[in-house]
């Protein structure tokens, strides 16, 4: 029984390539790894296309096992384990420093920039390999509440409907015509026009101010709210959530399922 995931990359579509086999999650050595192999992974996970960039390294080491190396996909495979490779577990010349990490086009991130701290500023989202802005046309309190909640920035305070306070952005305007109900965990769970489709200009870039201010401009979401304590015997992972700080709790090789937790 095989499973595939991307771990410690901030979303299910970026991170370290890991294979579940024989009841254990293990990584893949980057010997002979190329973009064709990454395309198979992204396609299998429904994460779009492989990008020519890698996510930042995680704060902890990879899994105990390195299952595969010398993966050589042709590109038409539906599953990574259909690609030729060195047999499972034969990886004596690899270390976790060589674990494969990839980013797919459906990987998304959210941030606020140009404020006094990371909980206020111009709303920017990362998609398809680039950072872009959000149009303020329909960005109401419901949308702003979701943004503050996703960033762990406390309660929503107010929305900036022009670029005067936090400046105009550059590049793509990714989101327009957003409708949230406030219960969503991430901005991309809300209804929007297709990504990149809009009738806005950068002078309409949205800004949001959240109540949390006890953070510095340099503090990141992961370093502020999600300190990982990793041990070779009892490592704790969160997998399958919207960020490194949410998801299914995995302790070592045991999966603890919490059902109905709010």
Protein backbone atom coordinates (compact mmCIF):
# COMPACT_ATOMS: atom_id res chain seq x y z
CA UNK A 1 0.00 0.00 0.00
CA UNK A 2 1.50 3.32 -1.13
CA UNK A 3 0.64 6.95 -0.39
CA UNK A 4 2.29 10.19 -1.51
CA UNK A 5 2.49 13.59 0.14
CA UNK A 6 4.46 16.82 0.26
CA UNK A 7 5.47 17.65 3.82
CA UNK A 8 6.71 20.75 5.71
CA UNK A 9 6.21 23.15 2.80
CA UNK A 10 3.33 25.25 4.08
CA UNK A 11 0.59 23.57 2.01
CA UNK A 12 -0.25 20.16 0.53
CA UNK A 13 1.30 21.34 -2.76
CA UNK A 14 4.85 22.13 -1.61
CA UNK A 15 7.49 20.48 0.50
CA UNK A 16 9.51 17.35 0.97
CA UNK A 17 8.41 14.41 -1.22
CA UNK A 18 7.42 11.53 1.05
CA UNK A 19 6.21 8.00 0.31
CA UNK A 20 4.16 5.85 2.69
CA UNK A 21 5.20 2.20 2.38
CA UNK A 22 5.18 -0.76 4.74
CA UNK A 23 3.46 1.37 7.40
CA UNK A 24 6.19 4.05 7.43
CA UNK A 25 6.61 7.46 5.79
CA UNK A 26 9.98 7.93 4.08
CA UNK A 27 11.63 10.45 1.79
CA UNK A 28 13.12 10.31 -1.72
CA UNK A 29 16.81 10.93 -2.52
CA UNK A 30 17.48 13.62 -5.13
CA UNK A 31 19.93 11.49 -7.13
CA UNK A 32 18.83 11.79 -10.80
CA UNK A 33 15.70 13.75 -9.79
CA UNK A 34 14.49 16.25 -12.41
CA UNK A 35 11.44 18.31 -13.40
CA UNK A 36 9.80 15.34 -15.16
CA UNK A 37 9.72 13.46 -11.86
CA UNK A 38 8.32 16.54 -10.11
CA UNK A 39 5.59 16.85 -12.75
CA UNK A 40 4.40 13.32 -11.95
CA UNK A 41 4.20 14.19 -8.24
CA UNK A 42 2.25 17.42 -8.83
CA UNK A 43 -0.12 15.70 -11.24
CA UNK A 44 -0.75 12.79 -8.86
CA UNK A 45 -1.56 15.16 -5.98
CA UNK A 46 -3.81 17.40 -8.09
CA UNK A 47 -1.44 20.31 -7.49
CA UNK A 48 -1.01 21.63 -11.01
CA UNK A 49 2.40 21.80 -12.66
CA UNK A 50 5.88 21.64 -11.16
CA UNK A 51 7.58 25.01 -10.65
CA UNK A 52 11.27 25.69 -11.18
CA UNK A 53 11.69 26.60 -7.52
CA UNK A 54 11.81 24.81 -4.18
CA UNK A 55 10.15 25.69 -0.86
CA UNK A 56 12.34 26.81 2.05
CA UNK A 57 13.92 24.00 4.06
CA UNK A 58 11.91 22.86 7.05
CA UNK A 59 13.14 23.31 10.60
CA UNK A 60 13.45 19.57 11.15
CA UNK A 61 14.99 16.55 9.42
CA UNK A 62 13.16 14.26 7.06
CA UNK A 63 11.59 10.95 8.01
CA UNK A 64 13.72 8.11 9.32
CA UNK A 65 13.64 6.13 6.07
CA UNK A 66 14.78 7.12 2.59
CA UNK A 67 12.69 4.85 0.41
CA UNK A 68 13.78 5.66 -3.14
CA UNK A 69 16.60 7.10 -5.19
CA UNK A 70 17.46 7.40 -8.89
CA UNK A 71 13.83 7.98 -9.85
CA UNK A 72 13.51 8.29 -13.64
CA UNK A 73 9.97 9.07 -14.75
CA UNK A 74 8.93 9.35 -18.39
CA UNK A 75 6.16 11.83 -17.60
CA UNK A 76 3.14 9.75 -18.57
CA UNK A 77 2.92 7.90 -15.26
CA UNK A 78 -0.16 8.43 -13.07
CA UNK A 79 1.66 7.50 -9.85
CA UNK A 80 5.23 8.11 -8.75
CA UNK A 81 5.72 4.43 -7.90
CA UNK A 82 5.14 3.56 -11.56
CA UNK A 83 8.44 5.28 -12.42
CA UNK A 84 11.66 3.25 -12.62
CA UNK A 85 13.83 3.62 -9.50
CA UNK A 86 16.34 1.85 -7.30
CA UNK A 87 14.46 -0.71 -5.13
CA UNK A 88 12.83 0.49 -1.94
CA UNK A 89 15.19 1.04 0.97
CA UNK A 90 18.44 0.73 -1.05
CA UNK A 91 19.78 4.22 -0.33
CA UNK A 92 23.08 3.69 1.48
CA UNK A 93 24.79 6.63 -0.25
CA UNK A 94 22.00 9.18 0.48
CA UNK A 95 21.31 11.35 3.53
CA UNK A 96 18.36 13.52 4.49
CA UNK A 97 20.32 16.55 3.25
CA UNK A 98 19.50 15.18 -0.20
CA UNK A 99 15.74 14.78 0.36
CA UNK A 100 13.74 15.94 -2.67
CA UNK A 101 11.70 19.12 -2.08
CA UNK A 102 9.42 20.56 -4.75
CA UNK A 103 6.80 23.26 -5.26
CA UNK A 104 3.74 22.90 -7.48
CA UNK A 105 1.77 25.70 -9.14
CA UNK A 106 -1.23 25.23 -6.79
CA UNK A 107 0.85 26.04 -3.70
CA UNK A 108 -0.63 29.14 -2.03
CA UNK A 109 0.53 31.48 0.72
CA UNK A 110 -0.87 34.64 2.32
CA UNK A 111 0.85 37.66 3.87
CA UNK A 112 0.37 41.31 4.83
CA UNK A 113 3.17 43.69 3.80
CA UNK A 114 4.29 47.30 4.29
CA UNK A 115 2.72 47.55 7.75
CA UNK A 116 4.35 48.15 11.13
CA UNK A 117 4.23 44.40 11.80
CA UNK A 118 3.15 41.24 9.98
CA UNK A 119 -0.50 41.60 11.12
CA UNK A 120 -1.27 44.71 9.10
CA UNK A 121 -0.55 45.76 5.55
CA UNK A 122 -1.31 45.20 1.90
CA UNK A 123 -2.87 41.79 1.28
CA UNK A 124 -0.69 39.59 -0.94
CA UNK A 125 -1.10 36.00 -2.03
CA UNK A 126 1.44 33.62 -3.54
CA UNK A 127 0.17 31.51 -6.44
CA UNK A 128 1.71 29.89 -9.51
CA UNK A 129 5.18 30.85 -8.33
CA UNK A 130 4.66 34.60 -7.84
CA UNK A 131 3.34 37.03 -5.24
CA UNK A 132 0.38 39.20 -6.26
CA UNK A 133 -2.25 41.44 -4.72
CA UNK A 134 -5.97 41.33 -3.92
CA UNK A 135 -8.57 43.76 -5.24
CA UNK A 136 -10.51 45.69 -2.59
CA UNK A 137 -13.78 45.92 -4.59
CA UNK A 138 -15.64 43.32 -2.54
CA UNK A 139 -13.23 42.80 0.34
CA UNK A 140 -15.60 43.23 3.27
CA UNK A 141 -15.39 42.41 6.97
CA UNK A 142 -16.16 38.72 6.36
CA UNK A 143 -13.17 38.38 4.02
CA UNK A 144 -10.93 40.37 6.38
CA UNK A 145 -11.89 38.12 9.31
CA UNK A 146 -10.74 35.07 7.34
CA UNK A 147 -7.42 36.77 6.50
CA UNK A 148 -6.71 37.67 10.13
CA UNK A 149 -7.71 34.18 11.28
CA UNK A 150 -5.54 32.45 8.67
CA UNK A 151 -2.52 34.51 9.73
CA UNK A 152 -3.19 33.98 13.47
CA UNK A 153 -3.39 37.75 13.84
CA UNK A 154 -6.32 38.13 16.19
CA UNK A 155 -9.57 39.90 15.33
CA UNK A 156 -10.19 41.98 12.24
CA UNK A 157 -10.07 45.74 12.86
CA UNK A 158 -10.54 47.50 9.53
CA UNK A 159 -9.98 47.32 5.76
CA UNK A 160 -8.02 49.77 3.59
CA UNK A 161 -9.84 50.13 0.28
CA UNK A 162 -7.06 51.96 -1.55
CA UNK A 163 -3.27 51.91 -1.63
CA UNK A 164 -2.68 55.08 0.40
CA UNK A 165 -1.68 53.48 3.69
CA UNK A 166 0.32 50.46 2.51
CA UNK A 167 1.25 51.38 -1.06
CA UNK A 168 0.31 49.87 -4.40
CA UNK A 169 1.60 46.45 -5.25
CA UNK A 170 3.12 45.16 -8.46
CA UNK A 171 2.67 42.16 -10.69
CA UNK A 172 -0.52 40.12 -10.92
CA UNK A 173 -3.76 40.97 -9.15
CA UNK A 174 -4.68 37.45 -8.16
CA UNK A 175 -8.10 37.71 -6.49
CA UNK A 176 -11.28 39.71 -7.10
CA UNK A 177 -14.99 39.36 -6.28
CA UNK A 178 -14.43 37.50 -3.02
CA UNK A 179 -17.29 36.19 -0.89
CA UNK A 180 -16.54 34.66 2.51
CA UNK A 181 -18.88 33.54 5.29
CA UNK A 182 -16.24 34.10 8.02
CA UNK A 183 -16.07 30.41 9.01
CA UNK A 184 -13.47 29.56 6.34
CA UNK A 185 -9.96 28.66 7.53
CA UNK A 186 -8.16 30.02 4.46
CA UNK A 187 -8.86 32.76 1.96
CA UNK A 188 -8.91 30.27 -0.93
CA UNK A 189 -11.85 28.44 0.60
CA UNK A 190 -13.98 31.51 -0.13
CA UNK A 191 -15.80 32.02 -3.42
CA UNK A 192 -13.81 34.17 -5.88
CA UNK A 193 -13.52 34.84 -9.57
CA UNK A 194 -10.91 32.59 -11.27
CA UNK A 195 -7.38 33.37 -10.11
CA UNK A 196 -5.92 36.26 -12.11
CA UNK A 197 -9.30 37.38 -13.50
CA UNK A 198 -10.22 40.91 -12.39
CA UNK A 199 -11.23 44.42 -13.47
CA UNK A 200 -9.03 46.28 -10.96
CA UNK A 201 -5.88 48.38 -10.91
CA UNK A 202 -3.15 48.41 -8.28
CA UNK A 203 -4.48 51.64 -6.79
CA UNK A 204 -7.34 49.43 -5.55
CA UNK A 205 -5.06 46.93 -3.78
CA UNK A 206 -6.62 45.92 -0.48
CA UNK A 207 -5.07 46.35 2.94
CA UNK A 208 -6.14 44.80 6.22
CA UNK A 209 -5.37 45.66 9.84
CA UNK A 210 -5.78 42.94 12.48
CA UNK A 211 -5.83 43.37 16.25
CA UNK A 212 -2.65 41.41 17.03
CA UNK A 213 0.27 43.85 17.26
CA UNK A 214 2.68 42.07 19.62
CA UNK A 215 4.82 40.86 16.72
CA UNK A 216 7.73 42.38 14.84
CA UNK A 217 7.83 42.95 11.12
CA UNK A 218 10.44 40.20 10.77
CA UNK A 219 8.61 37.45 12.66
CA UNK A 220 7.17 34.81 10.36
CA UNK A 221 4.02 32.79 10.94
CA UNK A 222 5.91 29.55 11.45
CA UNK A 223 8.57 30.95 13.79
CA UNK A 224 6.01 32.81 15.92
CA UNK A 225 3.29 30.23 16.29
CA UNK A 226 4.67 26.83 15.44
CA UNK A 227 7.88 25.85 17.21
CA UNK A 228 8.63 22.26 16.19
CA UNK A 229 10.22 19.95 18.72
CA UNK A 230 11.66 17.12 16.67
CA UNK A 231 13.24 13.99 18.08
CA UNK A 232 14.60 11.01 16.21
CA UNK A 233 12.32 8.67 18.16
CA UNK A 234 9.17 10.72 18.76
CA UNK A 235 8.87 13.37 16.04
CA UNK A 236 5.58 15.25 15.81
CA UNK A 237 4.16 16.29 12.43
CA UNK A 238 1.03 18.10 11.27
CA UNK A 239 -0.01 16.94 7.82
CA UNK A 240 -2.74 17.79 5.35
CA UNK A 241 -3.71 21.20 6.75
CA UNK A 242 -3.57 24.67 5.25
CA UNK A 243 -0.18 25.48 6.82
CA UNK A 244 2.63 23.95 8.89
CA UNK A 245 0.56 24.78 11.97
CA UNK A 246 -2.60 22.79 11.16
CA UNK A 247 -3.51 19.31 10.07
CA UNK A 248 -3.58 15.69 11.18
CA UNK A 249 -1.37 14.98 14.20
CA UNK A 250 1.29 12.37 13.48
CA UNK A 251 3.58 11.18 16.30
CA UNK A 252 6.50 9.15 15.00
CA UNK A 253 4.92 6.52 12.79
CA UNK A 254 1.57 6.59 14.63
CA UNK A 255 -1.38 8.64 13.32
CA UNK A 256 -3.67 10.05 16.01
CA UNK A 257 -7.02 10.98 14.48
CA UNK A 258 -9.07 13.58 16.31
CA UNK A 259 -12.61 13.46 14.98
CA UNK A 260 -15.10 16.23 15.57
CA UNK A 261 -12.52 18.58 17.10
CA UNK A 262 -13.48 22.23 16.71
